[in-house]
Structure formats: structure tokens, C-alpha cells
PDB file of N, CA and C in Angstrom:
ATOM      1  N   UNK A   1      54.939 181.505  93.579  1.00  0.00           N
ATOM      2  CA  UNK A   1      56.035 182.341  93.133  1.00  0.00           C
ATOM      3  C   UNK A   1      55.743 183.792  93.508  1.00  0.00           C
ATOM      4  N   UNK A   2      56.735 184.470  94.071  1.00  0.00           N
ATOM      5  CA  UNK A   2      56.580 185.843  94.524  1.00  0.00           C
ATOM      6  C   UNK A   2      56.632 186.804  93.337  1.00  0.00           C
ATOM      7  N   UNK A   3      55.668 187.735  93.292  1.00  0.00           N
ATOM      8  CA  UNK A   3      55.630 188.721  92.222  1.00  0.00           C
ATOM      9  C   UNK A   3      56.514 189.910  92.590  1.00  0.00           C
ATOM     10  N   UNK A   4      57.368 190.337  91.668  1.00  0.00           N
ATOM     11  CA  UNK A   4      58.230 191.486  91.905  1.00  0.00           C
ATOM     12  C   UNK A   4      57.479 192.754  91.516  1.00  0.00           C
ATOM     13  N   UNK A   5      57.540 193.758  92.387  1.00  0.00           N
ATOM     14  CA  UNK A   5      56.873 195.024  92.130  1.00  0.00           C
ATOM     15  C   UNK A   5      57.893 196.077  91.754  1.00  0.00           C
ATOM     16  N   UNK A   6      57.670 196.780  90.678  1.00  0.00           N
ATOM     17  CA  UNK A   6      58.541 197.874  90.251  1.00  0.00           C
ATOM     18  C   UNK A   6      57.678 199.037  89.777  1.00  0.00           C
ATOM     19  N   UNK A   7      58.096 200.251  90.151  1.00  0.00           N
ATOM     20  CA  UNK A   7      57.452 201.445  89.618  1.00  0.00           C
ATOM     21  C   UNK A   7      57.872 201.612  88.167  1.00  0.00           C
ATOM     22  N   UNK A   8      56.984 202.193  87.347  1.00  0.00           N
ATOM     23  CA  UNK A   8      57.424 202.478  85.989  1.00  0.00           C
ATOM     24  C   UNK A   8      58.412 203.640  86.031  1.00  0.00           C
ATOM     25  N   UNK A   9      59.285 203.716  85.043  1.00  0.00           N
ATOM     26  CA  UNK A   9      60.392 204.678  85.015  1.00  0.00           C
ATOM     27  C   UNK A   9      59.897 206.122  85.092  1.00  0.00           C
ATOM     28  N   UNK A  10      58.801 206.434  84.419  1.00  0.00           N
ATOM     29  CA  UNK A  10      58.264 207.791  84.426  1.00  0.00           C
ATOM     30  C   UNK A  10      57.847 208.206  85.832  1.00  0.00           C
ATOM     31  N   UNK A  11      57.133 207.333  86.544  1.00  0.00           N
ATOM     32  CA  UNK A  11      56.692 207.649  87.901  1.00  0.00           C
ATOM     33  C   UNK A  11      57.893 207.743  88.843  1.00  0.00           C
ATOM     34  N   UNK A  12      58.859 206.865  88.684  1.00  0.00           N
ATOM     35  CA  UNK A  12      60.050 206.893  89.518  1.00  0.00           C
ATOM     36  C   UNK A  12      60.790 208.225  89.348  1.00  0.00           C
ATOM     37  N   UNK A  13      60.943 208.695  88.120  1.00  0.00           N
ATOM     38  CA  UNK A  13      61.603 209.976  87.858  1.00  0.00           C
ATOM     39  C   UNK A  13      60.802 211.143  88.430  1.00  0.00           C
ATOM     40  N   UNK A  14      59.480 211.071  88.346  1.00  0.00           N
ATOM     41  CA  UNK A  14      58.611 212.106  88.915  1.00  0.00           C
ATOM     42  C   UNK A  14      58.815 212.201  90.432  1.00  0.00           C
ATOM     43  N   UNK A  15      58.905 211.071  91.086  1.00  0.00           N
ATOM     44  CA  UNK A  15      59.119 211.018  92.535  1.00  0.00           C
ATOM     45  C   UNK A  15      60.502 211.567  92.895  1.00  0.00           C
ATOM     46  N   UNK A  16      61.529 211.171  92.156  1.00  0.00           N
ATOM     47  CA  UNK A  16      62.890 211.641  92.426  1.00  0.00           C
ATOM     48  C   UNK A  16      62.956 213.159  92.288  1.00  0.00           C
ATOM     49  N   UNK A  17      62.350 213.720  91.252  1.00  0.00           N
ATOM     50  CA  UNK A  17      62.341 215.176  91.070  1.00  0.00           C
ATOM     51  C   UNK A  17      61.621 215.877  92.222  1.00  0.00           C
ATOM     52  N   UNK A  18      60.519 215.301  92.686  1.00  0.00           N
ATOM     53  CA  UNK A  18      59.771 215.892  93.803  1.00  0.00           C
ATOM     54  C   UNK A  18      60.598 215.863  95.086  1.00  0.00           C
ATOM     55  N   UNK A  19      61.315 214.780  95.330  1.00  0.00           N
ATOM     56  CA  UNK A  19      62.188 214.686  96.509  1.00  0.00           C
ATOM     57  C   UNK A  19      63.335 215.682  96.411  1.00  0.00           C
ATOM     58  N   UNK A  20      63.935 215.796  95.244  1.00  0.00           N
ATOM     59  CA  UNK A  20      65.029 216.745  95.050  1.00  0.00           C
ATOM     60  C   UNK A  20      64.558 218.185  95.247  1.00  0.00           C
ATOM     61  N   UNK A  21      63.349 218.500  94.795  1.00  0.00           N
ATOM     62  CA  UNK A  21      62.794 219.842  94.955  1.00  0.00           C
ATOM     63  C   UNK A  21      62.607 220.199  96.426  1.00  0.00           C
ATOM     64  N   UNK A  22      62.443 219.190  97.277  1.00  0.00           N
ATOM     65  CA  UNK A  22      62.294 219.400  98.724  1.00  0.00           C
ATOM     66  C   UNK A  22      63.620 219.257  99.467  1.00  0.00           C
ATOM     67  N   UNK A  23      64.725 219.185  98.714  1.00  0.00           N
ATOM     68  CA  UNK A  23      66.074 219.077  99.294  1.00  0.00           C
ATOM     69  C   UNK A  23      66.262 217.842 100.180  1.00  0.00           C
ATOM     70  N   UNK A  24      65.789 216.718  99.698  1.00  0.00           N
ATOM     71  CA  UNK A  24      65.933 215.457 100.433  1.00  0.00           C
ATOM     72  C   UNK A  24      67.272 214.829 100.036  1.00  0.00           C
ATOM     73  N   UNK A  25      68.341 215.294 100.712  1.00  0.00           N
ATOM     74  CA  UNK A  25      69.689 214.852 100.367  1.00  0.00           C
ATOM     75  C   UNK A  25      70.476 214.347 101.566  1.00  0.00           C
ATOM     76  N   UNK A  26      69.852 214.185 102.705  1.00  0.00           N
ATOM     77  CA  UNK A  26      70.566 213.753 103.908  1.00  0.00           C
ATOM     78  C   UNK A  26      70.939 212.270 103.808  1.00  0.00           C
ATOM     79  N   UNK A  27      72.022 211.862 104.489  1.00  0.00           N
ATOM     80  CA  UNK A  27      72.409 210.445 104.465  1.00  0.00           C
ATOM     81  C   UNK A  27      71.431 209.584 105.269  1.00  0.00           C
ATOM     82  N   UNK A  28      71.540 208.311 105.062  1.00  0.00           N
ATOM     83  CA  UNK A  28      70.715 207.344 105.786  1.00  0.00           C
ATOM     84  C   UNK A  28      70.918 207.532 107.299  1.00  0.00           C
ATOM     85  N   UNK A  29      69.833 207.567 108.076  1.00  0.00           N
ATOM     86  CA  UNK A  29      69.980 207.749 109.521  1.00  0.00           C
ATOM     87  C   UNK A  29      70.579 206.533 110.237  1.00  0.00           C
ATOM     88  N   UNK A  30      70.649 205.397 109.580  1.00  0.00           N
ATOM     89  CA  UNK A  30      71.190 204.184 110.205  1.00  0.00           C
ATOM     90  C   UNK A  30      72.667 203.970 109.882  1.00  0.00           C
ATOM     91  N   UNK A  31      73.046 204.088 108.591  1.00  0.00           N
ATOM     92  CA  UNK A  31      74.417 203.741 108.204  1.00  0.00           C
ATOM     93  C   UNK A  31      75.188 204.893 107.553  1.00  0.00           C
ATOM     94  N   UNK A  32      74.545 206.033 107.367  1.00  0.00           N
ATOM     95  CA  UNK A  32      75.143 207.249 106.791  1.00  0.00           C
ATOM     96  C   UNK A  32      75.429 207.142 105.290  1.00  0.00           C
ATOM     97  N   UNK A  33      74.937 206.116 104.625  1.00  0.00           N
ATOM     98  CA  UNK A  33      75.090 205.961 103.181  1.00  0.00           C
ATOM     99  C   UNK A  33      74.320 207.069 102.459  1.00  0.00           C
ATOM    100  N   UNK A  34      74.815 207.487 101.298  1.00  0.00           N
ATOM    101  CA  UNK A  34      74.166 208.556 100.540  1.00  0.00           C
ATOM    102  C   UNK A  34      73.364 208.065  99.339  1.00  0.00           C
ATOM    103  N   UNK A  35      73.336 206.766  99.095  1.00  0.00           N
ATOM    104  CA  UNK A  35      72.640 206.239  97.925  1.00  0.00           C
ATOM    105  C   UNK A  35      71.327 205.569  98.320  1.00  0.00           C
ATOM    106  N   UNK A  36      70.241 206.023  97.676  1.00  0.00           N
ATOM    107  CA  UNK A  36      68.902 205.511  97.940  1.00  0.00           C
ATOM    108  C   UNK A  36      68.218 205.123  96.641  1.00  0.00           C
ATOM    109  N   UNK A  37      67.143 204.358  96.765  1.00  0.00           N
ATOM    110  CA  UNK A  37      66.344 203.969  95.609  1.00  0.00           C
ATOM    111  C   UNK A  37      64.870 204.114  95.953  1.00  0.00           C
ATOM    112  N   UNK A  38      64.105 204.693  95.030  1.00  0.00           N
ATOM    113  CA  UNK A  38      62.658 204.751  95.193  1.00  0.00           C
ATOM    114  C   UNK A  38      62.143 203.353  94.879  1.00  0.00           C
ATOM    115  N   UNK A  39      61.504 202.721  95.881  1.00  0.00           N
ATOM    116  CA  UNK A  39      61.123 201.315  95.682  1.00  0.00           C
ATOM    117  C   UNK A  39      59.626 201.089  95.498  1.00  0.00           C
ATOM    118  N   UNK A  40      58.799 202.089  95.800  1.00  0.00           N
ATOM    119  CA  UNK A  40      57.376 201.874  95.603  1.00  0.00           C
ATOM    120  C   UNK A  40      56.519 202.928  96.266  1.00  0.00           C
ATOM    121  N   UNK A  41      55.229 202.686  96.216  1.00  0.00           N
ATOM    122  CA  UNK A  41      54.249 203.547  96.850  1.00  0.00           C
ATOM    123  C   UNK A  41      53.329 202.677  97.701  1.00  0.00           C
ATOM    124  N   UNK A  42      52.796 203.260  98.748  1.00  0.00           N
ATOM    125  CA  UNK A  42      51.928 202.505  99.641  1.00  0.00           C
ATOM    126  C   UNK A  42      50.938 203.454 100.291  1.00  0.00           C
ATOM    127  N   UNK A  43      50.140 202.912 101.188  1.00  0.00           N
ATOM    128  CA  UNK A  43      49.174 203.693 101.955  1.00  0.00           C
ATOM    129  C   UNK A  43      49.346 203.368 103.429  1.00  0.00           C
ATOM    130  N   UNK A  44      49.326 204.394 104.261  1.00  0.00           N
ATOM    131  CA  UNK A  44      49.347 204.192 105.706  1.00  0.00           C
ATOM    132  C   UNK A  44      47.921 204.396 106.192  1.00  0.00           C
ATOM    133  N   UNK A  45      47.287 203.343 106.718  1.00  0.00           N
ATOM    134  CA  UNK A  45      45.909 203.501 107.202  1.00  0.00           C
ATOM    135  C   UNK A  45      45.877 204.284 108.512  1.00  0.00           C
ATOM    136  N   UNK A  46      44.906 205.161 108.626  1.00  0.00           N
ATOM    137  CA  UNK A  46      44.686 205.906 109.864  1.00  0.00           C
ATOM    138  C   UNK A  46      43.483 205.295 110.569  1.00  0.00           C
ATOM    139  N   UNK A  47      43.609 205.137 111.859  1.00  0.00           N
ATOM    140  CA  UNK A  47      42.515 204.567 112.634  1.00  0.00           C
ATOM    141  C   UNK A  47      41.898 205.659 113.488  1.00  0.00           C
ATOM    142  N   UNK A  48      40.611 205.796 113.391  1.00  0.00           N
ATOM    143  CA  UNK A  48      39.881 206.823 114.122  1.00  0.00           C
ATOM    144  C   UNK A  48      39.933 206.540 115.620  1.00  0.00           C
ATOM    145  N   UNK A  49      40.364 207.535 116.417  1.00  0.00           N
ATOM    146  CA  UNK A  49      40.335 207.345 117.871  1.00  0.00           C
ATOM    147  C   UNK A  49      38.900 207.166 118.356  1.00  0.00           C
ATOM    148  N   UNK A  50      38.714 206.381 119.389  1.00  0.00           N
ATOM    149  CA  UNK A  50      37.367 206.154 119.928  1.00  0.00           C
ATOM    150  C   UNK A  50      36.708 207.472 120.288  1.00  0.00           C
ATOM    151  N   UNK A  51      35.455 207.625 119.861  1.00  0.00           N
ATOM    152  CA  UNK A  51      34.682 208.800 120.199  1.00  0.00           C
ATOM    153  C   UNK A  51      35.012 210.036 119.380  1.00  0.00           C
ATOM    154  N   UNK A  52      35.834 209.903 118.355  1.00  0.00           N
ATOM    155  CA  UNK A  52      36.212 211.050 117.539  1.00  0.00           C
ATOM    156  C   UNK A  52      35.803 210.804 116.095  1.00  0.00           C
ATOM    157  N   UNK A  53      35.383 211.844 115.416  1.00  0.00           N
ATOM    158  CA  UNK A  53      35.008 211.679 114.013  1.00  0.00           C
ATOM    159  C   UNK A  53      35.815 212.593 113.092  1.00  0.00           C
ATOM    160  N   UNK A  54      36.816 213.300 113.596  1.00  0.00           N
ATOM    161  CA  UNK A  54      37.552 214.251 112.769  1.00  0.00           C
ATOM    162  C   UNK A  54      38.487 213.589 111.760  1.00  0.00           C
ATOM    163  N   UNK A  55      38.812 212.305 111.887  1.00  0.00           N
ATOM    164  CA  UNK A  55      39.658 211.612 110.917  1.00  0.00           C
ATOM    165  C   UNK A  55      38.862 210.878 109.854  1.00  0.00           C
ATOM    166  N   UNK A  56      37.563 210.961 109.944  1.00  0.00           N
ATOM    167  CA  UNK A  56      36.712 210.174 109.052  1.00  0.00           C
ATOM    168  C   UNK A  56      36.926 210.511 107.576  1.00  0.00           C
ATOM    169  N   UNK A  57      37.406 211.717 107.273  1.00  0.00           N
ATOM    170  CA  UNK A  57      37.595 212.107 105.876  1.00  0.00           C
ATOM    171  C   UNK A  57      38.963 211.689 105.324  1.00  0.00           C
ATOM    172  N   UNK A  58      39.877 211.225 106.158  1.00  0.00           N
ATOM    173  CA  UNK A  58      41.212 210.841 105.694  1.00  0.00           C
ATOM    174  C   UNK A  58      41.602 209.480 106.251  1.00  0.00           C
ATOM    175  N   UNK A  59      41.049 208.399 105.688  1.00  0.00           N
ATOM    176  CA  UNK A  59      41.307 207.073 106.243  1.00  0.00           C
ATOM    177  C   UNK A  59      42.698 206.503 105.952  1.00  0.00           C
ATOM    178  N   UNK A  60      43.462 207.134 105.042  1.00  0.00           N
ATOM    179  CA  UNK A  60      44.787 206.625 104.721  1.00  0.00           C
ATOM    180  C   UNK A  60      45.652 207.746 104.129  1.00  0.00           C
ATOM    181  N   UNK A  61      46.962 207.595 104.292  1.00  0.00           N
ATOM    182  CA  UNK A  61      47.908 208.577 103.762  1.00  0.00           C
ATOM    183  C   UNK A  61      48.738 207.895 102.675  1.00  0.00           C
ATOM    184  N   UNK A  62      48.700 208.405 101.433  1.00  0.00           N
ATOM    185  CA  UNK A  62      49.555 207.843 100.391  1.00  0.00           C
ATOM    186  C   UNK A  62      51.009 208.259 100.628  1.00  0.00           C
ATOM    187  N   UNK A  63      51.917 207.294 100.489  1.00  0.00           N
ATOM    188  CA  UNK A  63      53.341 207.549 100.731  1.00  0.00           C
ATOM    189  C   UNK A  63      54.206 206.941  99.635  1.00  0.00           C
ATOM    190  N   UNK A  64      55.409 207.518  99.506  1.00  0.00           N
ATOM    191  CA  UNK A  64      56.466 207.002  98.640  1.00  0.00           C
ATOM    192  C   UNK A  64      57.457 206.295  99.547  1.00  0.00           C
ATOM    193  N   UNK A  65      57.926 205.128  99.141  1.00  0.00           N
ATOM    194  CA  UNK A  65      58.908 204.366  99.916  1.00  0.00           C
ATOM    195  C   UNK A  65      60.279 204.495  99.270  1.00  0.00           C
ATOM    196  N   UNK A  66      61.269 204.889 100.082  1.00  0.00           N
ATOM    197  CA  UNK A  66      62.639 205.064  99.620  1.00  0.00           C
ATOM    198  C   UNK A  66      63.532 204.179 100.487  1.00  0.00           C
ATOM    199  N   UNK A  67      64.401 203.406  99.855  1.00  0.00           N
ATOM    200  CA  UNK A  67      65.249 202.463 100.575  1.00  0.00           C
ATOM    201  C   UNK A  67      66.723 202.801 100.416  1.00  0.00           C
ATOM    202  N   UNK A  68      67.479 202.671 101.515  1.00  0.00           N
ATOM    203  CA  UNK A  68      68.929 202.836 101.480  1.00  0.00           C
ATOM    204  C   UNK A  68      69.528 201.663 100.693  1.00  0.00           C
ATOM    205  N   UNK A  69      70.430 201.968  99.770  1.00  0.00           N
ATOM    206  CA  UNK A  69      71.064 200.920  98.964  1.00  0.00           C
ATOM    207  C   UNK A  69      72.076 200.087  99.737  1.00  0.00           C
ATOM    208  N   UNK A  70      72.463 200.547 100.929  1.00  0.00           N
ATOM    209  CA  UNK A  70      73.454 199.816 101.721  1.00  0.00           C
ATOM    210  C   UNK A  70      72.797 198.914 102.759  1.00  0.00           C
ATOM    211  N   UNK A  71      72.003 199.499 103.663  1.00  0.00           N
ATOM    212  CA  UNK A  71      71.464 198.714 104.784  1.00  0.00           C
ATOM    213  C   UNK A  71      69.990 198.347 104.633  1.00  0.00           C
ATOM    214  N   UNK A  72      69.306 198.935 103.647  1.00  0.00           N
ATOM    215  CA  UNK A  72      67.904 198.602 103.425  1.00  0.00           C
ATOM    216  C   UNK A  72      66.909 199.406 104.251  1.00  0.00           C
ATOM    217  N   UNK A  73      67.390 200.386 105.025  1.00  0.00           N
ATOM    218  CA  UNK A  73      66.482 201.227 105.805  1.00  0.00           C
ATOM    219  C   UNK A  73      65.448 201.835 104.864  1.00  0.00           C
ATOM    220  N   UNK A  74      64.175 201.842 105.272  1.00  0.00           N
ATOM    221  CA  UNK A  74      63.106 202.377 104.438  1.00  0.00           C
ATOM    222  C   UNK A  74      62.530 203.633 105.072  1.00  0.00           C
ATOM    223  N   UNK A  75      62.474 204.703 104.267  1.00  0.00           N
ATOM    224  CA  UNK A  75      61.862 205.962 104.679  1.00  0.00           C
ATOM    225  C   UNK A  75      60.560 206.131 103.900  1.00  0.00           C
ATOM    226  N   UNK A  76      59.609 206.813 104.513  1.00  0.00           N
ATOM    227  CA  UNK A  76      58.327 207.085 103.875  1.00  0.00           C
ATOM    228  C   UNK A  76      58.129 208.593 103.763  1.00  0.00           C
ATOM    229  N   UNK A  77      57.658 209.039 102.600  1.00  0.00           N
ATOM    230  CA  UNK A  77      57.380 210.455 102.358  1.00  0.00           C
ATOM    231  C   UNK A  77      55.939 210.583 101.877  1.00  0.00           C
ATOM    232  N   UNK A  78      55.169 211.478 102.505  1.00  0.00           N
ATOM    233  CA  UNK A  78      53.773 211.700 102.115  1.00  0.00           C
ATOM    234  C   UNK A  78      53.725 212.324 100.718  1.00  0.00           C
ATOM    235  N   UNK A  79      53.007 211.704  99.803  1.00  0.00           N
ATOM    236  CA  UNK A  79      52.957 212.185  98.417  1.00  0.00           C
ATOM    237  C   UNK A  79      52.305 213.561  98.307  1.00  0.00           C
ATOM    238  N   UNK A  80      51.332 213.857  99.159  1.00  0.00           N
ATOM    239  CA  UNK A  80      50.660 215.153  99.103  1.00  0.00           C
ATOM    240  C   UNK A  80      51.603 216.303  99.381  1.00  0.00           C
ATOM    241  N   UNK A  81      52.482 216.150 100.350  1.00  0.00           N
ATOM    242  CA  UNK A  81      53.461 217.192 100.692  1.00  0.00           C
ATOM    243  C   UNK A  81      54.449 217.378  99.553  1.00  0.00           C
ATOM    244  N   UNK A  82      54.726 216.309  98.831  1.00  0.00           N
ATOM    245  CA  UNK A  82      55.656 216.369  97.698  1.00  0.00           C
ATOM    246  C   UNK A  82      54.988 216.920  96.444  1.00  0.00           C
ATOM    247  N   UNK A  83      53.688 217.137  96.486  1.00  0.00           N
ATOM    248  CA  UNK A  83      52.957 217.635  95.321  1.00  0.00           C
ATOM    249  C   UNK A  83      52.713 216.572  94.276  1.00  0.00           C
ATOM    250  N   UNK A  84      52.755 215.318  94.673  1.00  0.00           N
ATOM    251  CA  UNK A  84      52.515 214.206  93.756  1.00  0.00           C
ATOM    252  C   UNK A  84      51.064 213.773  93.833  1.00  0.00           C
ATOM    253  N   UNK A  85      50.467 213.521  92.691  1.00  0.00           N
ATOM    254  CA  UNK A  85      49.106 212.999  92.696  1.00  0.00           C
ATOM    255  C   UNK A  85      49.117 211.541  93.086  1.00  0.00           C
ATOM    256  N   UNK A  86      48.042 211.104  93.680  1.00  0.00           N
ATOM    257  CA  UNK A  86      47.930 209.708  94.110  1.00  0.00           C
ATOM    258  C   UNK A  86      47.706 208.803  92.914  1.00  0.00           C
ATOM    259  N   UNK A  87      48.400 207.679  92.906  1.00  0.00           N
ATOM    260  CA  UNK A  87      48.227 206.689  91.837  1.00  0.00           C
ATOM    261  C   UNK A  87      47.245 205.638  92.280  1.00  0.00           C
ATOM    262  N   UNK A  88      46.396 205.223  91.372  1.00  0.00           N
ATOM    263  CA  UNK A  88      45.400 204.185  91.689  1.00  0.00           C
ATOM    264  C   UNK A  88      46.025 202.818  91.676  1.00  0.00           C
TER     265      UNK A  88
END
């Protein structure tokens, strides 16, 4: 059985306020819909280029996932830029 993942209401509201503070109000780039939902948080792994060690201190980027309510397009926003602390 598939487990459903949901953010708690407090964290979801915190994310929405952070997005609004950054003026994230543009329509969906695929279908032009204006309604979105914060659906979760994730990590984007960074892979160190061969022969380079400058990425060694940042192996992943925490992101917020936002989905269009019409077509399902998913956008990712870096939590650090939004001023959100990372959740464990």
C-alpha cells in the first residue's frame, strides 16, 4: 500500500508566506493556471565534477515542491533562498 505524504499545516503556511514574500505569483509556465499547491520538500543531490573538490561542502540542495492544480507541473524552490530552515 502506497503511503501518502503531506506537509503539516504549520510548515505549509510557513512555505506559502516565504513564497509570497518573494513575489512568486506568476502563472504556470505550461498551462497558465494561477492555482498551485505546496506538495512537499525534497533534496537535489549535487555530484562533484571529476577532479574538483569545491562542491564537497554542499552535497545536496533542500527544495520546496510546488504543483500546478490544473496540469500537475512541479516547480522547485531552494529553501535557503526563501529563508526557510531545513527540515530533518
